[in-house]
Amino acid sequence: MNNSSFKELSLSFQRNFFAMRRLNAFQWESLEAELKSSESPSEVILDVLRKTCLHPMCRRSPPSVKYRRQFLSELIKNHERTAVEPLDELYDALAEVIGAEEEPVCFKTYLLPSGESVSLEENVAVISEGTTGLVTWEAALYLSEWALERPHVFTDRAVLELGSGAGLTGVVVCQVCKPRRYIFSDCHQTVLQRLRNNIQHNGLFEHSPHTTVCVEELDWDNVDEEELQRIGADTVIAADVVYDPEMLGALVRLLAKLLAFKTEERPPEVYVASTVRNPDTYDCFRNELEKAGLKHHVVSCPVPHVLPYTRVSTVEIIKIHR
């Protein structure tokens, strides 16, 4: 493997590690081949280690203790199969996480093609405190990739995100697409605090010269038209909000209210990204849209896969309009 190929391999380990991707998604076979062909396999492992567990980002935004322990154990196995001498840095890093206490929260960091990074504090458990909003879901990743390809949908606009959750899509849009104003929203108090923490952690409150950022508590059932008029969104987005049949009526009524407003003599553009887990629930959502007099069509343009996650489900983005 030449230097450029190895550099790309070590960077792929870095991208996958900080996104806490499953270990079977790493290119372990390629790493083993590189170790066997290298005159100094310890230097190869040390390079990977410096890009992951020893990287400054791991101090600032660490993946979970359990994940780092499993990653280092796998790295040690690869090293022991190919190297004669033990590598102190590897065992020192493992000793640090073996003695560390597991926390209920961790960080996932996504390295964007543009060079920016997005670090999000998330709960280790998928469901915590009665909400799923403390972790990032697949539709948010997909919608983020879609946004990276279509910055014009957001640039210089006021963007409202419904059900922002941990905040991935919003932080990506703010960092890369430069909206004029971005409104993160949710209704669960713990999620709202996590959103503020993540926005702060990514420096959007202090270092976003192009974008005014705020967090709003938005109860879909009780939001009034005066509040929506104050927000004045040009673009409305949402990811993974179509999963609970009991919430669909409130969501559709809110979308109808939003589309009734006109900013700069036009209603906002509305995009909803959904992981189609239950086709019946998704069909129910589309039927509710039709009953409310709202039209929709699937945004069918291909979305390049640039973030480190496995696309295991069907994700669909629809544009909703009157």
C-alpha atoms as a PDB file:
ATOM      1  CA  MET A   1       0.000   0.000   0.000  1.00  0.00           C
ATOM      2  CA  ASN A   2       1.480   3.375  -0.994  1.00  0.00           C
ATOM      3  CA  ASN A   3       1.604   6.411   1.299  1.00  0.00           C
ATOM      4  CA  SER A   4      -1.533   8.050  -0.111  1.00  0.00           C
ATOM      5  CA  SER A   5      -3.511   4.802   0.239  1.00  0.00           C
ATOM      6  CA  PHE A   6      -2.383   4.358   3.833  1.00  0.00           C
ATOM      7  CA  LYS A   7      -3.191   7.978   4.620  1.00  0.00           C
ATOM      8  CA  GLU A   8      -6.732   7.428   3.334  1.00  0.00           C
ATOM      9  CA  LEU A   9      -6.985   4.204   5.354  1.00  0.00           C
ATOM     10  CA  SER A  10      -5.917   5.891   8.593  1.00  0.00           C
ATOM     11  CA  LEU A  11      -8.306   8.785   7.932  1.00  0.00           C
ATOM     12  CA  SER A  12     -11.146   6.314   7.386  1.00  0.00           C
ATOM     13  CA  PHE A  13     -10.321   4.827  10.810  1.00  0.00           C
ATOM     14  CA  GLN A  14     -10.476   8.341  12.250  1.00  0.00           C
ATOM     15  CA  ARG A  15     -13.854   9.162  10.634  1.00  0.00           C
ATOM     16  CA  ASN A  16     -15.385   5.863  11.768  1.00  0.00           C
ATOM     17  CA  PHE A  17     -13.924   6.038  15.275  1.00  0.00           C
ATOM     18  CA  PHE A  18     -15.213   9.507  16.111  1.00  0.00           C
ATOM     19  CA  ALA A  19     -18.653   8.695  14.690  1.00  0.00           C
ATOM     20  CA  MET A  20     -18.658   5.562  16.893  1.00  0.00           C
ATOM     21  CA  ARG A  21     -19.393   3.362  13.936  1.00  0.00           C
ATOM     22  CA  ARG A  22     -19.680  -0.380  14.569  1.00  0.00           C
ATOM     23  CA  LEU A  23     -16.265  -2.029  14.625  1.00  0.00           C
ATOM     24  CA  ASN A  24     -17.161  -4.439  11.824  1.00  0.00           C
ATOM     25  CA  ALA A  25     -17.421  -1.400   9.511  1.00  0.00           C
ATOM     26  CA  PHE A  26     -13.691  -0.663   9.875  1.00  0.00           C
ATOM     27  CA  GLN A  27     -11.222  -1.822   7.233  1.00  0.00           C
ATOM     28  CA  TRP A  28      -9.409  -4.277   9.509  1.00  0.00           C
ATOM     29  CA  GLU A  29      -8.271  -6.514   6.641  1.00  0.00           C
ATOM     30  CA  SER A  30      -6.659  -3.564   4.859  1.00  0.00           C
ATOM     31  CA  LEU A  31      -4.961  -2.539   8.099  1.00  0.00           C
ATOM     32  CA  GLU A  32      -3.635  -6.073   8.589  1.00  0.00           C
ATOM     33  CA  ALA A  33      -2.268  -6.103   5.028  1.00  0.00           C
ATOM     34  CA  GLU A  34      -0.530  -2.787   5.669  1.00  0.00           C
ATOM     35  CA  LEU A  35       0.959  -4.091   8.916  1.00  0.00           C
ATOM     36  CA  LYS A  36       2.314  -7.213   7.217  1.00  0.00           C
ATOM     37  CA  SER A  37       3.899  -5.260   4.373  1.00  0.00           C
ATOM     38  CA  SER A  38       5.349  -2.485   6.520  1.00  0.00           C
ATOM     39  CA  GLU A  39       8.931  -2.438   7.764  1.00  0.00           C
ATOM     40  CA  SER A  40       7.641  -0.794  10.952  1.00  0.00           C
ATOM     41  CA  PRO A  41       4.151  -2.084  11.872  1.00  0.00           C
ATOM     42  CA  SER A  42       4.339  -0.279  15.218  1.00  0.00           C
ATOM     43  CA  GLU A  43       4.545   3.060  13.398  1.00  0.00           C
ATOM     44  CA  VAL A  44       1.454   2.114  11.385  1.00  0.00           C
ATOM     45  CA  ILE A  45      -0.515   1.351  14.557  1.00  0.00           C
ATOM     46  CA  LEU A  46       0.826   4.473  16.247  1.00  0.00           C
ATOM     47  CA  ASP A  47      -0.401   6.595  13.323  1.00  0.00           C
ATOM     48  CA  VAL A  48      -3.914   5.146  13.690  1.00  0.00           C
ATOM     49  CA  LEU A  49      -3.739   5.622  17.455  1.00  0.00           C
ATOM     50  CA  ARG A  50      -2.746   9.281  17.087  1.00  0.00           C
ATOM     51  CA  LYS A  51      -5.706   9.879  14.784  1.00  0.00           C
ATOM     52  CA  THR A  52      -8.146   8.257  17.206  1.00  0.00           C
ATOM     53  CA  CYS A  53      -7.653   7.719  20.964  1.00  0.00           C
ATOM     54  CA  LEU A  54      -4.619  10.017  21.228  1.00  0.00           C
ATOM     55  CA  HIS A  55      -6.093  12.770  19.067  1.00  0.00           C
ATOM     56  CA  PRO A  56      -6.914  16.044  20.900  1.00  0.00           C
ATOM     57  CA  MET A  57     -10.512  15.705  19.694  1.00  0.00           C
ATOM     58  CA  CYS A  58     -10.814  12.540  21.792  1.00  0.00           C
ATOM     59  CA  ARG A  59     -10.112  14.610  24.898  1.00  0.00           C
ATOM     60  CA  ARG A  60     -12.564  17.330  23.964  1.00  0.00           C
ATOM     61  CA  SER A  61     -15.353  15.116  22.568  1.00  0.00           C
ATOM     62  CA  PRO A  62     -14.715  11.521  23.680  1.00  0.00           C
ATOM     63  CA  PRO A  63     -16.634   8.524  22.332  1.00  0.00           C
ATOM     64  CA  SER A  64     -18.014   6.253  25.039  1.00  0.00           C
ATOM     65  CA  VAL A  65     -15.614   4.455  27.379  1.00  0.00           C
ATOM     66  CA  LYS A  66     -16.962   1.067  26.284  1.00  0.00           C
ATOM     67  CA  TYR A  67     -16.481   1.922  22.621  1.00  0.00           C
ATOM     68  CA  ARG A  68     -12.888   3.106  23.125  1.00  0.00           C
ATOM     69  CA  ARG A  69     -12.126  -0.037  25.134  1.00  0.00           C
ATOM     70  CA  GLN A  70     -13.455  -2.285  22.337  1.00  0.00           C
ATOM     71  CA  PHE A  71     -11.639  -0.323  19.635  1.00  0.00           C
ATOM     72  CA  LEU A  72      -8.299  -0.479  21.451  1.00  0.00           C
ATOM     73  CA  SER A  73      -8.698  -4.205  22.126  1.00  0.00           C
ATOM     74  CA  GLU A  74      -9.191  -4.810  18.403  1.00  0.00           C
ATOM     75  CA  LEU A  75      -6.229  -2.592  17.549  1.00  0.00           C
ATOM     76  CA  ILE A  76      -4.040  -4.528  20.010  1.00  0.00           C
ATOM     77  CA  LYS A  77      -5.070  -7.845  18.429  1.00  0.00           C
ATOM     78  CA  ASN A  78      -4.017  -6.576  15.011  1.00  0.00           C
ATOM     79  CA  HIS A  79      -0.721  -5.294  16.356  1.00  0.00           C
ATOM     80  CA  GLU A  80       0.109  -8.494  18.259  1.00  0.00           C
ATOM     81  CA  ARG A  81      -0.449 -10.607  15.142  1.00  0.00           C
ATOM     82  CA  THR A  82       2.129  -8.692  13.128  1.00  0.00           C
ATOM     83  CA  ALA A  83       4.630  -6.992  15.448  1.00  0.00           C
ATOM     84  CA  VAL A  84       7.412  -8.408  17.585  1.00  0.00           C
ATOM     85  CA  GLU A  85       7.686  -5.649  20.179  1.00  0.00           C
ATOM     86  CA  PRO A  86       4.745  -4.422  22.301  1.00  0.00           C
ATOM     87  CA  LEU A  87       3.692  -0.803  21.844  1.00  0.00           C
ATOM     88  CA  ASP A  88       3.554   1.036  25.176  1.00  0.00           C
ATOM     89  CA  GLU A  89       1.225   3.758  23.866  1.00  0.00           C
ATOM     90  CA  LEU A  90      -1.404   1.143  23.002  1.00  0.00           C
ATOM     91  CA  TYR A  91      -1.418  -0.433  26.450  1.00  0.00           C
ATOM     92  CA  ASP A  92      -1.297   2.941  28.194  1.00  0.00           C
ATOM     93  CA  ALA A  93      -4.392   4.036  26.242  1.00  0.00           C
ATOM     94  CA  LEU A  94      -6.176   0.789  27.104  1.00  0.00           C
ATOM     95  CA  ALA A  95      -5.256   1.088  30.793  1.00  0.00           C
ATOM     96  CA  GLU A  96      -6.803   4.561  30.849  1.00  0.00           C
ATOM     97  CA  VAL A  97     -10.205   3.386  29.576  1.00  0.00           C
ATOM     98  CA  ILE A  98     -10.202   0.138  31.587  1.00  0.00           C
ATOM     99  CA  GLY A  99     -10.033   2.228  34.745  1.00  0.00           C
ATOM    100  CA  ALA A 100     -12.557   4.822  33.577  1.00  0.00           C
ATOM    101  CA  GLU A 101     -16.173   4.872  34.695  1.00  0.00           C
ATOM    102  CA  GLU A 102     -18.799   4.495  31.964  1.00  0.00           C
ATOM    103  CA  GLU A 103     -20.878   7.665  31.565  1.00  0.00           C
ATOM    104  CA  PRO A 104     -24.536   7.792  30.432  1.00  0.00           C
ATOM    105  CA  VAL A 105     -23.511  10.275  27.713  1.00  0.00           C
ATOM    106  CA  CYS A 106     -20.792  10.275  25.067  1.00  0.00           C
ATOM    107  CA  PHE A 107     -19.811  12.282  21.994  1.00  0.00           C
ATOM    108  CA  LYS A 108     -20.171  11.413  18.337  1.00  0.00           C
ATOM    109  CA  THR A 109     -18.151  13.546  15.947  1.00  0.00           C
ATOM    110  CA  TYR A 110     -18.804  13.723  12.210  1.00  0.00           C
ATOM    111  CA  LEU A 111     -15.972  14.949   9.980  1.00  0.00           C
ATOM    112  CA  LEU A 112     -17.504  16.784   7.020  1.00  0.00           C
ATOM    113  CA  PRO A 113     -16.097  16.802   3.477  1.00  0.00           C
ATOM    114  CA  SER A 114     -15.664  20.572   3.798  1.00  0.00           C
ATOM    115  CA  GLY A 115     -13.170  20.086   6.641  1.00  0.00           C
ATOM    116  CA  GLU A 116     -15.471  21.153   9.482  1.00  0.00           C
ATOM    117  CA  SER A 117     -16.451  18.774  12.245  1.00  0.00           C
ATOM    118  CA  VAL A 118     -19.707  18.414  14.171  1.00  0.00           C
ATOM    119  CA  SER A 119     -19.479  17.002  17.712  1.00  0.00           C
ATOM    120  CA  LEU A 120     -22.670  16.029  19.509  1.00  0.00           C
ATOM    121  CA  GLU A 121     -23.226  14.928  23.076  1.00  0.00           C
ATOM    122  CA  GLU A 122     -25.630  11.996  22.950  1.00  0.00           C
ATOM    123  CA  ASN A 123     -27.032   9.482  25.387  1.00  0.00           C
ATOM    124  CA  VAL A 124     -25.538   6.014  25.245  1.00  0.00           C
ATOM    125  CA  ALA A 125     -29.047   4.536  25.577  1.00  0.00           C
ATOM    126  CA  VAL A 126     -31.367   4.902  22.572  1.00  0.00           C
ATOM    127  CA  ILE A 127     -34.352   5.817  24.775  1.00  0.00           C
ATOM    128  CA  SER A 128     -33.715   7.972  27.842  1.00  0.00           C
ATOM    129  CA  GLU A 129     -36.046  10.001  30.061  1.00  0.00           C
ATOM    130  CA  GLY A 130     -39.020   8.975  27.944  1.00  0.00           C
ATOM    131  CA  THR A 131     -37.655  10.425  24.700  1.00  0.00           C
ATOM    132  CA  THR A 132     -35.717   9.275  21.630  1.00  0.00           C
ATOM    133  CA  GLY A 133     -34.473  12.832  21.034  1.00  0.00           C
ATOM    134  CA  LEU A 134     -31.139  12.434  22.827  1.00  0.00           C
ATOM    135  CA  VAL A 135     -29.489  10.439  20.031  1.00  0.00           C
ATOM    136  CA  THR A 136     -28.974  10.995  16.287  1.00  0.00           C
ATOM    137  CA  TRP A 137     -31.150   8.966  13.921  1.00  0.00           C
ATOM    138  CA  GLU A 138     -30.483   7.862  10.350  1.00  0.00           C
ATOM    139  CA  ALA A 139     -32.839  10.341   8.666  1.00  0.00           C
ATOM    140  CA  ALA A 140     -30.948  13.236  10.310  1.00  0.00           C
ATOM    141  CA  LEU A 141     -27.690  11.935   8.818  1.00  0.00           C
ATOM    142  CA  TYR A 142     -29.341  11.533   5.415  1.00  0.00           C
ATOM    143  CA  LEU A 143     -30.915  15.000   5.552  1.00  0.00           C
ATOM    144  CA  SER A 144     -27.519  16.464   6.522  1.00  0.00           C
ATOM    145  CA  GLU A 145     -25.941  14.870   3.448  1.00  0.00           C
ATOM    146  CA  TRP A 146     -28.790  16.199   1.318  1.00  0.00           C
ATOM    147  CA  ALA A 147     -28.213  19.701   2.722  1.00  0.00           C
ATOM    148  CA  LEU A 148     -24.481  19.536   1.946  1.00  0.00           C
ATOM    149  CA  GLU A 149     -25.382  19.004  -1.708  1.00  0.00           C
ATOM    150  CA  ARG A 150     -28.015  21.766  -1.787  1.00  0.00           C
ATOM    151  CA  PRO A 151     -26.779  24.754   0.247  1.00  0.00           C
ATOM    152  CA  HIS A 152     -28.966  27.101  -1.843  1.00  0.00           C
ATOM    153  CA  VAL A 153     -32.044  25.759  -0.018  1.00  0.00           C
ATOM    154  CA  PHE A 154     -30.680  27.342   3.186  1.00  0.00           C
ATOM    155  CA  THR A 155     -28.241  30.133   2.318  1.00  0.00           C
ATOM    156  CA  ASP A 156     -29.391  33.571   3.547  1.00  0.00           C
ATOM    157  CA  ARG A 157     -32.732  32.134   4.686  1.00  0.00           C
ATOM    158  CA  ALA A 158     -34.512  31.788   8.013  1.00  0.00           C
ATOM    159  CA  VAL A 159     -34.661  28.049   8.677  1.00  0.00           C
ATOM    160  CA  LEU A 160     -36.938  26.364  11.203  1.00  0.00           C
ATOM    161  CA  GLU A 161     -36.177  22.767  12.163  1.00  0.00           C
ATOM    162  CA  LEU A 162     -38.935  20.729  13.800  1.00  0.00           C
ATOM    163  CA  GLY A 163     -37.912  18.076  16.307  1.00  0.00           C
ATOM    164  CA  SER A 164     -34.211  18.950  16.242  1.00  0.00           C
ATOM    165  CA  GLY A 165     -33.195  16.192  18.674  1.00  0.00           C
ATOM    166  CA  ALA A 166     -29.441  16.151  19.289  1.00  0.00           C
ATOM    167  CA  GLY A 167     -28.979  18.840  16.623  1.00  0.00           C
ATOM    168  CA  LEU A 168     -26.880  17.200  13.880  1.00  0.00           C
ATOM    169  CA  THR A 169     -28.704  18.540  10.820  1.00  0.00           C
ATOM    170  CA  GLY A 170     -28.935  22.060  12.194  1.00  0.00           C
ATOM    171  CA  VAL A 171     -25.267  22.288  13.114  1.00  0.00           C
ATOM    172  CA  VAL A 172     -24.278  20.979   9.668  1.00  0.00           C
ATOM    173  CA  VAL A 173     -26.537  23.501   7.928  1.00  0.00           C
ATOM    174  CA  CYS A 174     -25.264  26.383  10.057  1.00  0.00           C
ATOM    175  CA  GLN A 175     -21.607  25.484   9.513  1.00  0.00           C
ATOM    176  CA  VAL A 176     -21.750  24.826   5.777  1.00  0.00           C
ATOM    177  CA  CYS A 177     -24.869  26.402   4.231  1.00  0.00           C
ATOM    178  CA  LYS A 178     -24.806  29.785   6.034  1.00  0.00           C
ATOM    179  CA  PRO A 179     -28.494  30.506   6.664  1.00  0.00           C
ATOM    180  CA  ARG A 180     -29.392  33.997   7.864  1.00  0.00           C
ATOM    181  CA  ARG A 181     -31.165  32.596  10.927  1.00  0.00           C
ATOM    182  CA  TYR A 182     -31.577  29.051  12.242  1.00  0.00           C
ATOM    183  CA  ILE A 183     -34.242  28.036  14.747  1.00  0.00           C
ATOM    184  CA  PHE A 184     -33.719  24.685  16.460  1.00  0.00           C
ATOM    185  CA  SER A 185     -36.905  23.449  18.108  1.00  0.00           C
ATOM    186  CA  ASP A 186     -38.241  20.637  20.262  1.00  0.00           C
ATOM    187  CA  CYS A 187     -40.712  20.246  23.105  1.00  0.00           C
ATOM    188  CA  HIS A 188     -38.903  18.003  25.618  1.00  0.00           C
ATOM    189  CA  GLN A 189     -37.006  19.996  28.241  1.00  0.00           C
ATOM    190  CA  THR A 190     -34.058  17.593  28.440  1.00  0.00           C
ATOM    191  CA  VAL A 191     -33.729  17.609  24.639  1.00  0.00           C
ATOM    192  CA  LEU A 192     -33.820  21.414  24.583  1.00  0.00           C
ATOM    193  CA  GLN A 193     -30.997  21.583  27.132  1.00  0.00           C
ATOM    194  CA  ARG A 194     -28.983  19.027  25.171  1.00  0.00           C
ATOM    195  CA  LEU A 195     -29.534  21.120  22.031  1.00  0.00           C
ATOM    196  CA  ARG A 196     -28.195  24.223  23.768  1.00  0.00           C
ATOM    197  CA  ASN A 197     -25.184  22.263  25.008  1.00  0.00           C
ATOM    198  CA  ASN A 198     -24.415  20.919  21.544  1.00  0.00           C
ATOM    199  CA  ILE A 199     -24.824  24.300  19.874  1.00  0.00           C
ATOM    200  CA  GLN A 200     -22.488  25.783  22.493  1.00  0.00           C
ATOM    201  CA  HIS A 201     -20.010  22.919  22.077  1.00  0.00           C
ATOM    202  CA  ASN A 202     -19.835  23.584  18.328  1.00  0.00           C
ATOM    203  CA  GLY A 203     -19.355  27.317  18.849  1.00  0.00           C
ATOM    204  CA  LEU A 204     -22.482  28.431  17.016  1.00  0.00           C
ATOM    205  CA  PHE A 205     -23.645  30.877  19.672  1.00  0.00           C
ATOM    206  CA  GLU A 206     -20.312  32.746  19.712  1.00  0.00           C
ATOM    207  CA  HIS A 207     -18.598  32.131  16.384  1.00  0.00           C
ATOM    208  CA  SER A 208     -21.310  32.119  13.731  1.00  0.00           C
ATOM    209  CA  PRO A 209     -20.897  35.453  11.908  1.00  0.00           C
ATOM    210  CA  HIS A 210     -23.347  34.564   9.127  1.00  0.00           C
ATOM    211  CA  THR A 211     -26.129  33.014  11.197  1.00  0.00           C
ATOM    212  CA  THR A 212     -28.252  33.999  14.171  1.00  0.00           C
ATOM    213  CA  VAL A 213     -28.948  30.799  16.119  1.00  0.00           C
ATOM    214  CA  CYS A 214     -31.686  30.205  18.676  1.00  0.00           C
ATOM    215  CA  VAL A 215     -33.483  27.327  20.400  1.00  0.00           C
ATOM    216  CA  GLU A 216     -37.276  27.392  20.724  1.00  0.00           C
ATOM    217  CA  GLU A 217     -39.663  25.242  22.719  1.00  0.00           C
ATOM    218  CA  LEU A 218     -42.332  24.356  20.169  1.00  0.00           C
ATOM    219  CA  ASP A 219     -45.395  22.360  21.201  1.00  0.00           C
ATOM    220  CA  TRP A 220     -47.019  21.231  17.945  1.00  0.00           C
ATOM    221  CA  ASP A 221     -50.429  20.926  19.568  1.00  0.00           C
ATOM    222  CA  ASN A 222     -50.451  24.370  21.134  1.00  0.00           C
ATOM    223  CA  VAL A 223     -48.315  26.609  18.935  1.00  0.00           C
ATOM    224  CA  ASP A 224     -50.230  29.703  17.853  1.00  0.00           C
ATOM    225  CA  GLU A 225     -50.060  31.599  14.595  1.00  0.00           C
ATOM    226  CA  GLU A 226     -48.517  34.643  16.254  1.00  0.00           C
ATOM    227  CA  GLU A 227     -45.522  32.557  17.350  1.00  0.00           C
ATOM    228  CA  LEU A 228     -45.079  31.086  13.869  1.00  0.00           C
ATOM    229  CA  GLN A 229     -45.339  34.534  12.316  1.00  0.00           C
ATOM    230  CA  ARG A 230     -42.645  35.767  14.694  1.00  0.00           C
ATOM    231  CA  ILE A 231     -40.362  32.914  13.590  1.00  0.00           C
ATOM    232  CA  GLY A 232     -40.981  33.819   9.934  1.00  0.00           C
ATOM    233  CA  ALA A 233     -39.372  30.739   8.384  1.00  0.00           C
ATOM    234  CA  ASP A 234     -38.371  30.672   4.711  1.00  0.00           C
ATOM    235  CA  THR A 235     -37.420  26.995   4.920  1.00  0.00           C
ATOM    236  CA  VAL A 236     -38.777  24.325   7.260  1.00  0.00           C
ATOM    237  CA  ILE A 237     -37.091  20.944   7.730  1.00  0.00           C
ATOM    238  CA  ALA A 238     -37.611  17.895   9.917  1.00  0.00           C
ATOM    239  CA  ALA A 239     -35.981  14.474  10.219  1.00  0.00           C
ATOM    240  CA  ASP A 240     -37.429  11.310  11.732  1.00  0.00           C
ATOM    241  CA  VAL A 241     -40.573  12.939  13.099  1.00  0.00           C
ATOM    242  CA  VAL A 242     -42.976  10.484  11.397  1.00  0.00           C
ATOM    243  CA  TYR A 243     -42.880   7.471  13.722  1.00  0.00           C
ATOM    244  CA  ASP A 244     -45.711   7.872  16.224  1.00  0.00           C
ATOM    245  CA  PRO A 245     -49.257   7.724  14.743  1.00  0.00           C
ATOM    246  CA  GLU A 246     -50.583   9.737  17.675  1.00  0.00           C
ATOM    247  CA  MET A 247     -48.343  12.704  16.738  1.00  0.00           C
ATOM    248  CA  LEU A 248     -49.191  12.822  13.033  1.00  0.00           C
ATOM    249  CA  GLY A 249     -52.311  14.957  13.368  1.00  0.00           C
ATOM    250  CA  ALA A 250     -50.499  17.663  15.343  1.00  0.00           C
ATOM    251  CA  LEU A 251     -47.564  17.598  12.900  1.00  0.00           C
ATOM    252  CA  VAL A 252     -49.790  17.995   9.842  1.00  0.00           C
ATOM    253  CA  ARG A 253     -51.793  20.803  11.454  1.00  0.00           C
ATOM    254  CA  LEU A 254     -48.546  22.610  12.230  1.00  0.00           C
ATOM    255  CA  LEU A 255     -47.306  22.184   8.658  1.00  0.00           C
ATOM    256  CA  ALA A 256     -50.612  23.550   7.361  1.00  0.00           C
ATOM    257  CA  LYS A 257     -50.243  26.631   9.565  1.00  0.00           C
ATOM    258  CA  LEU A 258     -46.663  27.172   8.411  1.00  0.00           C
ATOM    259  CA  LEU A 259     -47.597  26.886   4.746  1.00  0.00           C
ATOM    260  CA  ALA A 260     -50.370  29.442   5.233  1.00  0.00           C
ATOM    261  CA  PHE A 261     -47.772  32.145   5.934  1.00  0.00           C
ATOM    262  CA  LYS A 262     -45.919  34.023   3.250  1.00  0.00           C
ATOM    263  CA  THR A 263     -42.424  35.354   3.717  1.00  0.00           C
ATOM    264  CA  GLU A 264     -41.266  37.662   0.934  1.00  0.00           C
ATOM    265  CA  GLU A 265     -44.548  36.902  -0.866  1.00  0.00           C
ATOM    266  CA  ARG A 266     -44.109  33.146  -0.873  1.00  0.00           C
ATOM    267  CA  PRO A 267     -44.831  30.316   1.593  1.00  0.00           C
ATOM    268  CA  PRO A 268     -41.869  28.507   3.113  1.00  0.00           C
ATOM    269  CA  GLU A 269     -40.291  25.476   1.478  1.00  0.00           C
ATOM    270  CA  VAL A 270     -40.973  22.415   3.648  1.00  0.00           C
ATOM    271  CA  TYR A 271     -38.893  19.224   3.569  1.00  0.00           C
ATOM    272  CA  VAL A 272     -39.459  16.181   5.780  1.00  0.00           C
ATOM    273  CA  ALA A 273     -36.976  13.277   5.862  1.00  0.00           C
ATOM    274  CA  SER A 274     -38.326   9.993   7.174  1.00  0.00           C
ATOM    275  CA  THR A 275     -36.890   6.584   7.832  1.00  0.00           C
ATOM    276  CA  VAL A 276     -39.640   4.296   6.562  1.00  0.00           C
ATOM    277  CA  ARG A 277     -39.719   1.780   9.416  1.00  0.00           C
ATOM    278  CA  ASN A 278     -43.456   1.145   9.401  1.00  0.00           C
ATOM    279  CA  PRO A 279     -45.048   1.634   5.967  1.00  0.00           C
ATOM    280  CA  ASP A 280     -48.524   1.880   7.533  1.00  0.00           C
ATOM    281  CA  THR A 281     -47.470   4.822   9.723  1.00  0.00           C
ATOM    282  CA  TYR A 282     -45.809   6.527   6.759  1.00  0.00           C
ATOM    283  CA  ASP A 283     -48.902   5.998   4.580  1.00  0.00           C
ATOM    284  CA  CYS A 284     -51.024   7.423   7.395  1.00  0.00           C
ATOM    285  CA  PHE A 285     -48.851  10.560   7.405  1.00  0.00           C
ATOM    286  CA  ARG A 286     -49.254  11.058   3.666  1.00  0.00           C
ATOM    287  CA  ASN A 287     -52.994  10.491   3.935  1.00  0.00           C
ATOM    288  CA  GLU A 288     -53.207  13.115   6.700  1.00  0.00           C
ATOM    289  CA  LEU A 289     -51.369  15.556   4.423  1.00  0.00           C
ATOM    290  CA  GLU A 290     -53.905  14.982   1.641  1.00  0.00           C
ATOM    291  CA  LYS A 291     -56.849  15.389   4.023  1.00  0.00           C
ATOM    292  CA  ALA A 292     -55.378  18.728   5.128  1.00  0.00           C
ATOM    293  CA  GLY A 293     -55.173  19.885   1.496  1.00  0.00           C
ATOM    294  CA  LEU A 294     -51.377  19.635   1.423  1.00  0.00           C
ATOM    295  CA  LYS A 295     -49.592  18.192  -1.584  1.00  0.00           C
ATOM    296  CA  HIS A 296     -46.266  16.431  -1.490  1.00  0.00           C
ATOM    297  CA  HIS A 297     -43.751  14.840  -3.787  1.00  0.00           C
ATOM    298  CA  VAL A 298     -40.646  12.757  -3.221  1.00  0.00           C
ATOM    299  CA  VAL A 299     -37.343  14.564  -3.698  1.00  0.00           C
ATOM    300  CA  SER A 300     -35.736  11.916  -5.860  1.00  0.00           C
ATOM    301  CA  CYS A 301     -32.258  13.332  -6.497  1.00  0.00           C
ATOM    302  CA  PRO A 302     -29.457  10.984  -5.368  1.00  0.00           C
ATOM    303  CA  VAL A 303     -27.811  11.813  -2.034  1.00  0.00           C
ATOM    304  CA  PRO A 304     -24.061  11.035  -1.933  1.00  0.00           C
ATOM    305  CA  HIS A 305     -23.045   8.944   1.075  1.00  0.00           C
ATOM    306  CA  VAL A 306     -20.344  11.087   2.712  1.00  0.00           C
ATOM    307  CA  LEU A 307     -20.916  10.625   6.469  1.00  0.00           C
ATOM    308  CA  PRO A 308     -19.704   7.522   8.322  1.00  0.00           C
ATOM    309  CA  TYR A 309     -22.830   5.467   8.973  1.00  0.00           C
ATOM    310  CA  THR A 310     -24.408   2.400   7.406  1.00  0.00           C
ATOM    311  CA  ARG A 311     -27.508   3.015   5.357  1.00  0.00           C
ATOM    312  CA  VAL A 312     -29.653   0.122   6.464  1.00  0.00           C
ATOM    313  CA  SER A 313     -33.138   1.595   6.035  1.00  0.00           C
ATOM    314  CA  THR A 314     -35.098   3.386   3.351  1.00  0.00           C
ATOM    315  CA  VAL A 315     -34.980   7.138   3.969  1.00  0.00           C
ATOM    316  CA  GLU A 316     -37.277   9.354   1.924  1.00  0.00           C
ATOM    317  CA  ILE A 317     -37.348  13.143   1.690  1.00  0.00           C
ATOM    318  CA  ILE A 318     -40.598  14.728   0.637  1.00  0.00           C
ATOM    319  CA  LYS A 319     -41.343  18.350  -0.203  1.00  0.00           C
ATOM    320  CA  ILE A 320     -44.708  19.510   1.112  1.00  0.00           C
ATOM    321  CA  HIS A 321     -46.668  22.392  -0.384  1.00  0.00           C
ATOM    322  CA  ARG A 322     -50.182  23.689  -0.947  1.00  0.00           C
END
